[in-house]
C-alpha cells in the first residue's frame, strides 16, 4: 500500500470516528433526559398527531389540524410545511408513541445535518480532514444545541440540514460549475 493510500484510509477512518462521536454526543442528552422545551415540541407533536389522525381517518393530505384551538382546527400546514412530518405521522398512525417518534426524528435531523455539512465541506475543500473539523463544529455549536435540547424545534433543525446545501449551491454558481446545480 502506498503512503498516500494509507494516509487516505487513516483520514477516512478518522472522519468516521469523528462522526460517531459527534452523533453520540449530540443525541445523548435527548436519550438521557428526554425532550425538553416549551411550546415547540408540543406544537410539533400536535402537528404530527393531527396528521396521524387524518391518515387514520383516510384524509391525505390533511391541511387542517383539529388538535388546535379547542378542536375548531387550524390550517397550520398552510404556514408550516407538513411534507417532512408525514413519515413520523405514518408511524404514529400505526400506533407508535408520538414522543418516541419525535425523539427519533430529532436524531435523524442531527444525522442529516452531519451529512449535509460533511458533504458540503468535502465537495468544497476536497479534504476529509476539513470535514472532520466542520462536522462537530457545525452540529455541536451553541445555536444547534439550544435548538435541539433547549427547544426541541424541528423546523430549525431541518434548516440546519438545508443551509450547507444552499452554501454549496452558491459556491457552485460562484465557481461556474454548470452541471452541478
N, C-alpha and C. Protein backbone atom coordinates (compact mmCIF):
# COMPACT_ATOMS: atom_id res chain seq x y z
N UNK A 1 0.84 -1.17 0.00
CA UNK A 1 0.00 0.00 0.00
C UNK A 1 0.90 1.24 0.00
N UNK A 2 0.55 2.17 -0.86
CA UNK A 2 1.34 3.39 -0.93
C UNK A 2 1.07 4.28 0.27
N UNK A 3 1.98 5.24 0.48
CA UNK A 3 1.83 6.15 1.60
C UNK A 3 0.58 7.01 1.47
N UNK A 4 0.28 7.45 0.23
CA UNK A 4 -0.91 8.27 0.02
C UNK A 4 -2.17 7.49 0.33
N UNK A 5 -2.23 6.24 -0.13
CA UNK A 5 -3.40 5.40 0.12
C UNK A 5 -3.57 5.15 1.62
N UNK A 6 -2.46 4.90 2.31
CA UNK A 6 -2.51 4.68 3.76
C UNK A 6 -3.02 5.94 4.48
N UNK A 7 -2.53 7.11 4.05
CA UNK A 7 -2.97 8.37 4.66
C UNK A 7 -4.45 8.61 4.39
N UNK A 8 -4.93 8.33 3.18
CA UNK A 8 -6.34 8.50 2.85
C UNK A 8 -7.21 7.56 3.68
N UNK A 9 -6.78 6.33 3.89
CA UNK A 9 -7.53 5.39 4.72
C UNK A 9 -7.58 5.87 6.17
N UNK A 10 -6.48 6.42 6.65
CA UNK A 10 -6.44 6.93 8.01
C UNK A 10 -7.40 8.10 8.18
N UNK A 11 -7.40 9.02 7.20
CA UNK A 11 -8.32 10.17 7.26
C UNK A 11 -9.77 9.73 7.16
N UNK A 12 -10.07 8.74 6.34
CA UNK A 12 -11.44 8.22 6.24
C UNK A 12 -11.87 7.61 7.56
N UNK A 13 -10.99 6.83 8.17
CA UNK A 13 -11.30 6.24 9.47
C UNK A 13 -11.49 7.30 10.54
N UNK A 14 -10.67 8.33 10.51
CA UNK A 14 -10.80 9.43 11.46
C UNK A 14 -12.14 10.15 11.27
N UNK A 15 -12.53 10.35 10.02
CA UNK A 15 -13.81 11.01 9.74
C UNK A 15 -14.97 10.18 10.28
N UNK A 16 -14.94 8.88 10.08
CA UNK A 16 -16.00 8.01 10.59
C UNK A 16 -16.03 8.06 12.12
N UNK A 17 -14.88 8.01 12.75
CA UNK A 17 -14.81 8.08 14.21
C UNK A 17 -15.35 9.42 14.72
N UNK A 18 -14.97 10.51 14.08
CA UNK A 18 -15.47 11.82 14.47
C UNK A 18 -16.98 11.89 14.31
N UNK A 19 -17.51 11.31 13.24
CA UNK A 19 -18.96 11.30 13.02
C UNK A 19 -19.68 10.52 14.11
N UNK A 20 -19.16 9.37 14.47
CA UNK A 20 -19.79 8.55 15.50
C UNK A 20 -19.77 9.28 16.84
N UNK A 21 -18.62 9.83 17.21
CA UNK A 21 -18.51 10.53 18.49
C UNK A 21 -19.42 11.76 18.50
N UNK A 22 -19.44 12.50 17.42
CA UNK A 22 -20.29 13.70 17.34
C UNK A 22 -21.76 13.34 17.44
N UNK A 23 -22.17 12.28 16.74
CA UNK A 23 -23.58 11.88 16.77
C UNK A 23 -23.99 11.45 18.17
N UNK A 24 -23.16 10.62 18.80
CA UNK A 24 -23.48 10.16 20.16
C UNK A 24 -23.52 11.34 21.12
N UNK A 25 -22.55 12.22 21.02
CA UNK A 25 -22.51 13.38 21.89
C UNK A 25 -23.72 14.28 21.67
N UNK A 26 -24.14 14.42 20.43
CA UNK A 26 -25.26 15.31 20.11
C UNK A 26 -26.61 14.75 20.59
N UNK A 27 -26.79 13.44 20.50
CA UNK A 27 -28.10 12.88 20.84
C UNK A 27 -28.19 12.37 22.27
N UNK A 28 -27.07 12.26 22.95
CA UNK A 28 -27.07 11.71 24.30
C UNK A 28 -28.02 12.46 25.25
N UNK A 29 -28.03 13.78 25.27
CA UNK A 29 -28.97 14.46 26.17
C UNK A 29 -30.44 14.15 25.85
N UNK A 30 -30.75 13.94 24.58
CA UNK A 30 -32.13 13.60 24.22
C UNK A 30 -32.49 12.23 24.80
N UNK A 31 -31.60 11.26 24.66
CA UNK A 31 -31.90 9.91 25.14
C UNK A 31 -31.86 9.81 26.66
N UNK A 32 -31.00 10.60 27.32
CA UNK A 32 -30.90 10.52 28.77
C UNK A 32 -31.98 11.34 29.48
N UNK A 33 -32.21 12.56 29.01
CA UNK A 33 -33.14 13.46 29.70
C UNK A 33 -34.49 13.59 29.01
N UNK A 34 -34.63 13.06 27.83
CA UNK A 34 -35.89 13.21 27.10
C UNK A 34 -35.97 14.54 26.39
N UNK A 35 -37.11 14.79 25.82
CA UNK A 35 -37.32 16.03 25.08
C UNK A 35 -37.64 17.14 26.05
N UNK A 36 -36.88 18.21 25.95
CA UNK A 36 -37.12 19.39 26.77
C UNK A 36 -37.71 20.46 25.88
N UNK A 37 -37.99 21.55 26.47
CA UNK A 37 -38.50 22.67 25.69
C UNK A 37 -39.92 22.98 26.11
N UNK A 38 -40.39 24.08 25.64
CA UNK A 38 -41.72 24.52 26.00
C UNK A 38 -42.71 24.31 24.88
N UNK A 39 -42.96 25.34 24.17
CA UNK A 39 -44.02 25.34 23.18
C UNK A 39 -43.68 24.50 21.94
N UNK A 40 -42.45 24.57 21.47
CA UNK A 40 -42.09 23.94 20.19
C UNK A 40 -42.38 22.44 20.13
N UNK A 41 -41.90 21.62 21.07
CA UNK A 41 -42.18 20.20 20.93
C UNK A 41 -43.67 19.88 21.02
N UNK A 42 -44.38 20.57 21.90
CA UNK A 42 -45.82 20.33 21.99
C UNK A 42 -46.52 20.71 20.69
N UNK A 43 -46.13 21.82 20.13
CA UNK A 43 -46.71 22.28 18.87
C UNK A 43 -46.45 21.28 17.74
N UNK A 44 -45.19 20.85 17.60
CA UNK A 44 -44.85 19.95 16.50
C UNK A 44 -45.39 18.54 16.73
N UNK A 45 -45.42 18.09 17.99
CA UNK A 45 -46.05 16.79 18.25
C UNK A 45 -47.55 16.86 17.98
N UNK A 46 -48.16 17.99 18.25
CA UNK A 46 -49.56 18.18 17.90
C UNK A 46 -49.77 18.14 16.40
N UNK A 47 -48.85 18.71 15.66
CA UNK A 47 -48.93 18.64 14.19
C UNK A 47 -48.83 17.19 13.72
N UNK A 48 -47.90 16.44 14.30
CA UNK A 48 -47.74 15.04 13.91
C UNK A 48 -49.00 14.25 14.26
N UNK A 49 -49.54 14.49 15.45
CA UNK A 49 -50.78 13.81 15.86
C UNK A 49 -51.94 14.17 14.95
N UNK A 50 -52.05 15.45 14.56
CA UNK A 50 -53.12 15.86 13.65
C UNK A 50 -52.99 15.18 12.30
N UNK A 51 -51.77 15.07 11.80
CA UNK A 51 -51.56 14.36 10.54
C UNK A 51 -51.89 12.88 10.69
N UNK A 52 -51.49 12.29 11.82
CA UNK A 52 -51.79 10.87 12.07
C UNK A 52 -53.29 10.65 12.17
N UNK A 53 -54.01 11.57 12.84
CA UNK A 53 -55.47 11.45 12.91
C UNK A 53 -56.09 11.49 11.52
N UNK A 54 -55.60 12.39 10.70
CA UNK A 54 -56.11 12.49 9.33
C UNK A 54 -55.81 11.24 8.52
N UNK A 55 -54.63 10.68 8.69
CA UNK A 55 -54.27 9.46 7.97
C UNK A 55 -55.17 8.31 8.42
N UNK A 56 -55.40 8.19 9.72
CA UNK A 56 -56.29 7.15 10.23
C UNK A 56 -57.71 7.31 9.70
N UNK A 57 -58.15 8.57 9.51
CA UNK A 57 -59.50 8.84 9.02
C UNK A 57 -59.59 8.75 7.50
N UNK A 58 -58.45 8.56 6.84
CA UNK A 58 -58.45 8.42 5.38
C UNK A 58 -58.23 9.71 4.63
N UNK A 59 -57.81 10.76 5.32
CA UNK A 59 -57.55 12.04 4.65
C UNK A 59 -56.06 12.16 4.35
N UNK A 60 -55.76 12.34 3.10
CA UNK A 60 -54.37 12.57 2.71
C UNK A 60 -54.35 13.44 1.48
N UNK A 61 -53.74 14.58 1.49
CA UNK A 61 -53.17 15.26 2.65
C UNK A 61 -54.28 15.89 3.48
N UNK A 62 -53.97 16.19 4.71
CA UNK A 62 -54.95 16.81 5.59
C UNK A 62 -54.41 18.14 6.09
N UNK A 63 -54.87 19.23 5.49
CA UNK A 63 -54.30 20.54 5.82
C UNK A 63 -54.81 21.15 7.12
N UNK A 64 -55.93 20.68 7.66
CA UNK A 64 -56.49 21.29 8.86
C UNK A 64 -56.18 20.39 10.05
N UNK A 65 -55.48 20.95 11.04
CA UNK A 65 -55.17 20.22 12.25
C UNK A 65 -56.23 20.50 13.31
N UNK A 66 -57.03 19.52 13.64
CA UNK A 66 -58.13 19.71 14.59
C UNK A 66 -57.71 19.60 16.04
N UNK A 67 -56.42 19.48 16.30
CA UNK A 67 -55.95 19.45 17.68
C UNK A 67 -55.61 20.86 18.17
N UNK A 68 -55.98 21.87 17.42
CA UNK A 68 -55.68 23.25 17.78
C UNK A 68 -56.98 24.00 18.03
N UNK A 69 -56.88 25.07 18.81
CA UNK A 69 -57.99 25.99 19.08
C UNK A 69 -59.21 25.26 19.62
N UNK A 70 -59.01 24.43 20.63
CA UNK A 70 -60.08 23.68 21.29
C UNK A 70 -60.93 22.87 20.30
N UNK A 71 -60.28 22.25 19.34
CA UNK A 71 -60.98 21.37 18.41
C UNK A 71 -61.57 22.06 17.20
N UNK A 72 -61.48 23.38 17.12
CA UNK A 72 -62.03 24.07 15.95
C UNK A 72 -61.15 23.90 14.73
N UNK A 73 -59.89 23.66 14.92
CA UNK A 73 -59.00 23.43 13.80
C UNK A 73 -58.25 24.67 13.38
N UNK A 74 -57.13 24.41 12.74
CA UNK A 74 -56.27 25.50 12.29
C UNK A 74 -55.48 24.99 11.11
N UNK A 75 -55.36 25.77 10.09
CA UNK A 75 -54.61 25.36 8.89
C UNK A 75 -53.13 25.57 9.06
N UNK A 76 -52.56 24.89 10.05
CA UNK A 76 -51.15 25.08 10.35
C UNK A 76 -50.27 24.63 9.18
N UNK A 77 -50.74 23.68 8.39
CA UNK A 77 -49.98 23.21 7.23
C UNK A 77 -49.85 24.25 6.14
N UNK A 78 -50.67 25.30 6.21
CA UNK A 78 -50.55 26.37 5.22
C UNK A 78 -49.28 27.19 5.45
N UNK A 79 -48.87 27.29 6.71
CA UNK A 79 -47.73 28.13 7.06
C UNK A 79 -46.48 27.31 7.36
N UNK A 80 -46.66 26.14 7.95
CA UNK A 80 -45.56 25.23 8.23
C UNK A 80 -45.77 24.01 7.34
N UNK A 81 -44.82 23.76 6.47
CA UNK A 81 -44.97 22.62 5.58
C UNK A 81 -45.04 21.30 6.32
N UNK A 82 -45.96 20.45 5.92
CA UNK A 82 -46.15 19.15 6.57
C UNK A 82 -45.40 18.02 5.87
N UNK A 83 -44.82 18.29 4.73
CA UNK A 83 -44.23 17.22 3.91
C UNK A 83 -43.26 16.35 4.71
N UNK A 84 -42.36 16.96 5.45
CA UNK A 84 -41.34 16.21 6.17
C UNK A 84 -41.87 15.56 7.44
N UNK A 85 -43.09 15.90 7.84
CA UNK A 85 -43.67 15.29 9.03
C UNK A 85 -44.50 14.04 8.72
N UNK A 86 -44.83 13.83 7.46
CA UNK A 86 -45.66 12.68 7.13
C UNK A 86 -45.03 11.33 7.50
N UNK A 87 -43.72 11.12 7.30
CA UNK A 87 -43.17 9.82 7.76
C UNK A 87 -43.39 9.59 9.26
N UNK A 88 -43.19 10.63 10.07
CA UNK A 88 -43.43 10.49 11.50
C UNK A 88 -44.91 10.23 11.77
N UNK A 89 -45.78 10.92 11.05
CA UNK A 89 -47.23 10.74 11.24
C UNK A 89 -47.66 9.33 10.86
N UNK A 90 -47.05 8.74 9.84
CA UNK A 90 -47.39 7.36 9.46
C UNK A 90 -47.05 6.39 10.59
N UNK A 91 -45.90 6.61 11.25
CA UNK A 91 -45.54 5.74 12.38
C UNK A 91 -46.51 5.92 13.54
N UNK A 92 -46.88 7.16 13.82
CA UNK A 92 -47.82 7.42 14.90
C UNK A 92 -49.19 6.83 14.55
N UNK A 93 -49.59 6.93 13.29
CA UNK A 93 -50.87 6.35 12.86
C UNK A 93 -50.87 4.83 13.02
N UNK A 94 -49.70 4.21 12.97
CA UNK A 94 -49.60 2.76 13.14
C UNK A 94 -49.52 2.35 14.61
N UNK A 95 -49.50 3.34 15.51
CA UNK A 95 -49.53 3.02 16.93
C UNK A 95 -48.29 3.37 17.72
N UNK A 96 -47.27 3.93 17.10
CA UNK A 96 -46.07 4.32 17.84
C UNK A 96 -46.37 5.55 18.70
N UNK A 97 -45.68 5.66 19.81
CA UNK A 97 -45.86 6.81 20.69
C UNK A 97 -45.25 8.05 20.04
N UNK A 98 -45.97 9.15 20.09
CA UNK A 98 -45.52 10.36 19.41
C UNK A 98 -44.22 10.88 20.01
N UNK A 99 -44.00 10.72 21.31
CA UNK A 99 -42.76 11.18 21.93
C UNK A 99 -41.56 10.41 21.41
N UNK A 100 -41.72 9.09 21.26
CA UNK A 100 -40.63 8.27 20.72
C UNK A 100 -40.35 8.61 19.27
N UNK A 101 -41.39 8.79 18.48
CA UNK A 101 -41.21 9.15 17.08
C UNK A 101 -40.53 10.51 16.97
N UNK A 102 -40.93 11.45 17.82
CA UNK A 102 -40.32 12.78 17.81
C UNK A 102 -38.84 12.70 18.18
N UNK A 103 -38.51 11.87 19.14
CA UNK A 103 -37.11 11.69 19.54
C UNK A 103 -36.29 11.11 18.39
N UNK A 104 -36.84 10.11 17.72
CA UNK A 104 -36.14 9.53 16.56
C UNK A 104 -36.00 10.57 15.46
N UNK A 105 -37.04 11.39 15.26
CA UNK A 105 -36.98 12.45 14.25
C UNK A 105 -35.86 13.44 14.56
N UNK A 106 -35.71 13.81 15.81
CA UNK A 106 -34.61 14.70 16.18
C UNK A 106 -33.25 14.06 15.88
N UNK A 107 -33.12 12.77 16.15
CA UNK A 107 -31.87 12.07 15.87
C UNK A 107 -31.60 12.00 14.37
N UNK A 108 -32.64 11.78 13.58
CA UNK A 108 -32.48 11.76 12.12
C UNK A 108 -32.05 13.14 11.62
N UNK A 109 -32.59 14.18 12.21
CA UNK A 109 -32.22 15.54 11.80
C UNK A 109 -30.77 15.85 12.16
N UNK A 110 -30.29 15.35 13.29
CA UNK A 110 -28.88 15.52 13.64
C UNK A 110 -28.00 14.81 12.61
N UNK A 111 -28.37 13.59 12.27
CA UNK A 111 -27.60 12.84 11.26
C UNK A 111 -27.65 13.55 9.91
N UNK A 112 -28.79 14.11 9.56
CA UNK A 112 -28.91 14.84 8.30
C UNK A 112 -28.04 16.08 8.27
N UNK A 113 -27.97 16.80 9.40
CA UNK A 113 -27.10 17.97 9.47
C UNK A 113 -25.64 17.57 9.34
N UNK A 114 -25.27 16.46 9.97
CA UNK A 114 -23.90 15.97 9.85
C UNK A 114 -23.57 15.60 8.41
N UNK A 115 -24.50 14.92 7.76
CA UNK A 115 -24.27 14.51 6.38
C UNK A 115 -24.17 15.71 5.45
N UNK A 116 -25.05 16.68 5.62
CA UNK A 116 -25.03 17.82 4.70
C UNK A 116 -23.79 18.68 4.87
N UNK A 117 -23.37 18.94 6.11
CA UNK A 117 -22.17 19.76 6.29
C UNK A 117 -20.93 18.98 5.88
N UNK A 118 -20.92 17.67 6.13
CA UNK A 118 -19.78 16.86 5.70
C UNK A 118 -19.66 16.81 4.19
N UNK A 119 -20.77 16.58 3.51
CA UNK A 119 -20.78 16.55 2.04
C UNK A 119 -20.37 17.90 1.47
N UNK A 120 -20.91 18.96 2.01
CA UNK A 120 -20.58 20.30 1.53
C UNK A 120 -19.10 20.60 1.71
N UNK A 121 -18.57 20.25 2.87
CA UNK A 121 -17.16 20.53 3.16
C UNK A 121 -16.25 19.72 2.25
N UNK A 122 -16.56 18.45 2.05
CA UNK A 122 -15.71 17.62 1.19
C UNK A 122 -15.76 18.10 -0.26
N UNK A 123 -16.94 18.47 -0.74
CA UNK A 123 -17.04 18.94 -2.13
C UNK A 123 -16.30 20.27 -2.30
N UNK A 124 -16.44 21.17 -1.32
CA UNK A 124 -15.81 22.48 -1.46
C UNK A 124 -14.30 22.45 -1.24
N UNK A 125 -13.82 21.61 -0.33
CA UNK A 125 -12.39 21.63 0.00
C UNK A 125 -11.62 20.42 -0.52
N UNK A 126 -12.33 19.36 -0.88
CA UNK A 126 -11.69 18.10 -1.31
C UNK A 126 -10.76 17.57 -0.21
N UNK A 127 -11.19 17.74 1.06
CA UNK A 127 -10.33 17.40 2.18
C UNK A 127 -11.19 16.76 3.28
N UNK A 128 -10.92 15.49 3.58
CA UNK A 128 -11.65 14.80 4.63
C UNK A 128 -11.32 15.35 6.02
N UNK A 129 -10.12 15.85 6.19
CA UNK A 129 -9.74 16.44 7.47
C UNK A 129 -10.56 17.68 7.77
N UNK A 130 -10.83 18.47 6.75
CA UNK A 130 -11.67 19.66 6.94
C UNK A 130 -13.08 19.25 7.34
N UNK A 131 -13.58 18.18 6.77
CA UNK A 131 -14.92 17.69 7.14
C UNK A 131 -14.92 17.18 8.58
N UNK A 132 -13.82 16.56 9.01
CA UNK A 132 -13.73 16.07 10.39
C UNK A 132 -13.74 17.21 11.39
N UNK A 133 -13.34 18.39 10.98
CA UNK A 133 -13.41 19.56 11.85
C UNK A 133 -14.77 20.24 11.72
N UNK A 134 -15.29 20.32 10.50
CA UNK A 134 -16.54 21.05 10.25
C UNK A 134 -17.75 20.37 10.87
N UNK A 135 -17.79 19.05 10.84
CA UNK A 135 -18.98 18.34 11.33
C UNK A 135 -19.23 18.61 12.82
N UNK A 136 -18.28 18.37 13.71
CA UNK A 136 -18.58 18.68 15.12
C UNK A 136 -18.76 20.18 15.37
N UNK A 137 -18.04 21.02 14.63
CA UNK A 137 -18.19 22.46 14.83
C UNK A 137 -19.60 22.92 14.45
N UNK A 138 -20.16 22.33 13.42
CA UNK A 138 -21.49 22.72 12.95
C UNK A 138 -22.59 22.12 13.82
N UNK A 139 -22.46 20.84 14.14
CA UNK A 139 -23.53 20.14 14.85
C UNK A 139 -23.53 20.47 16.34
N UNK A 140 -22.37 20.71 16.92
CA UNK A 140 -22.30 20.95 18.36
C UNK A 140 -22.15 22.42 18.70
N UNK A 141 -22.48 23.31 17.76
CA UNK A 141 -22.40 24.74 18.08
C UNK A 141 -23.54 25.12 19.02
N UNK A 142 -23.40 26.27 19.63
CA UNK A 142 -24.34 26.67 20.67
C UNK A 142 -25.77 26.79 20.13
N UNK A 143 -25.93 27.36 18.95
CA UNK A 143 -27.28 27.53 18.40
C UNK A 143 -27.94 26.17 18.15
N UNK A 144 -27.23 25.26 17.55
CA UNK A 144 -27.79 23.94 17.26
C UNK A 144 -28.14 23.21 18.54
N UNK A 145 -27.27 23.27 19.52
CA UNK A 145 -27.54 22.60 20.79
C UNK A 145 -28.76 23.22 21.47
N UNK A 146 -28.89 24.54 21.40
CA UNK A 146 -30.06 25.18 22.02
C UNK A 146 -31.33 24.85 21.26
N UNK A 147 -31.24 24.71 19.94
CA UNK A 147 -32.41 24.33 19.14
C UNK A 147 -32.84 22.91 19.48
N UNK A 148 -31.89 21.99 19.59
CA UNK A 148 -32.24 20.59 19.83
C UNK A 148 -32.67 20.32 21.26
N UNK A 149 -31.93 20.84 22.23
CA UNK A 149 -32.18 20.45 23.61
C UNK A 149 -32.93 21.50 24.40
N UNK A 150 -32.74 22.75 24.06
CA UNK A 150 -33.45 23.80 24.77
C UNK A 150 -34.89 23.92 24.31
N UNK A 151 -35.09 23.79 23.00
CA UNK A 151 -36.42 23.99 22.45
C UNK A 151 -36.96 22.78 21.70
N UNK A 152 -36.12 21.87 21.29
CA UNK A 152 -36.53 20.69 20.50
C UNK A 152 -37.35 21.12 19.30
N UNK A 153 -36.88 22.15 18.61
CA UNK A 153 -37.60 22.71 17.47
C UNK A 153 -37.13 22.04 16.18
N UNK A 154 -38.01 21.30 15.57
CA UNK A 154 -37.60 20.56 14.38
C UNK A 154 -37.54 21.42 13.13
N UNK A 155 -38.24 22.53 13.11
CA UNK A 155 -38.16 23.42 11.95
C UNK A 155 -36.76 23.98 11.78
N UNK A 156 -36.19 24.47 12.86
CA UNK A 156 -34.82 24.98 12.80
C UNK A 156 -33.82 23.85 12.58
N UNK A 157 -34.09 22.69 13.15
CA UNK A 157 -33.20 21.55 12.93
C UNK A 157 -33.20 21.13 11.46
N UNK A 158 -34.36 21.23 10.81
CA UNK A 158 -34.41 20.95 9.37
C UNK A 158 -33.64 21.99 8.57
N UNK A 159 -33.73 23.24 9.00
CA UNK A 159 -32.99 24.30 8.31
C UNK A 159 -31.48 24.06 8.40
N UNK A 160 -31.03 23.47 9.51
CA UNK A 160 -29.60 23.18 9.64
C UNK A 160 -29.14 22.12 8.65
N UNK A 161 -30.07 21.35 8.13
CA UNK A 161 -29.72 20.39 7.08
C UNK A 161 -29.57 21.11 5.74
N UNK A 162 -30.47 22.03 5.46
CA UNK A 162 -30.51 22.66 4.14
C UNK A 162 -29.50 23.79 3.97
N UNK A 163 -29.10 24.47 5.03
CA UNK A 163 -28.21 25.62 4.90
C UNK A 163 -26.86 25.27 4.27
N UNK A 164 -26.19 24.19 4.65
CA UNK A 164 -24.93 23.87 3.96
C UNK A 164 -25.13 23.59 2.47
N UNK A 165 -26.26 23.01 2.13
CA UNK A 165 -26.51 22.73 0.72
C UNK A 165 -26.79 24.01 -0.06
N UNK A 166 -27.41 24.99 0.60
CA UNK A 166 -27.59 26.30 -0.03
C UNK A 166 -26.22 26.96 -0.24
N UNK A 167 -25.35 26.86 0.77
CA UNK A 167 -23.99 27.40 0.62
C UNK A 167 -23.25 26.71 -0.51
N UNK A 168 -23.42 25.39 -0.61
CA UNK A 168 -22.78 24.65 -1.69
C UNK A 168 -23.30 25.09 -3.05
N UNK A 169 -24.61 25.34 -3.13
CA UNK A 169 -25.17 25.84 -4.39
C UNK A 169 -24.62 27.19 -4.77
N UNK A 170 -24.50 28.08 -3.80
CA UNK A 170 -23.91 29.40 -4.07
C UNK A 170 -22.45 29.26 -4.49
N UNK A 171 -21.73 28.36 -3.85
CA UNK A 171 -20.33 28.11 -4.22
C UNK A 171 -20.23 27.54 -5.64
N UNK A 172 -21.14 26.65 -5.99
CA UNK A 172 -21.13 26.07 -7.34
C UNK A 172 -21.39 27.15 -8.39
N UNK A 173 -22.31 28.06 -8.11
CA UNK A 173 -22.57 29.16 -9.04
C UNK A 173 -21.33 30.06 -9.15
N UNK A 174 -20.74 30.36 -8.01
CA UNK A 174 -19.55 31.22 -8.00
C UNK A 174 -18.40 30.58 -8.77
N UNK A 175 -18.24 29.26 -8.66
CA UNK A 175 -17.19 28.54 -9.34
C UNK A 175 -17.50 28.30 -10.82
N UNK A 176 -18.76 28.50 -11.20
CA UNK A 176 -19.14 28.27 -12.59
C UNK A 176 -19.36 26.81 -12.95
N UNK A 177 -19.71 26.00 -11.95
CA UNK A 177 -19.98 24.58 -12.21
C UNK A 177 -21.36 24.49 -12.82
N UNK A 178 -21.45 24.39 -14.11
CA UNK A 178 -22.73 24.45 -14.82
C UNK A 178 -23.61 23.23 -14.58
N UNK A 179 -23.04 22.08 -14.39
CA UNK A 179 -23.85 20.86 -14.35
C UNK A 179 -24.07 20.34 -12.93
N UNK A 180 -23.62 21.06 -11.94
CA UNK A 180 -23.79 20.59 -10.56
C UNK A 180 -25.14 20.99 -9.96
N UNK A 181 -25.61 22.21 -10.27
CA UNK A 181 -26.84 22.67 -9.65
C UNK A 181 -27.80 23.15 -10.70
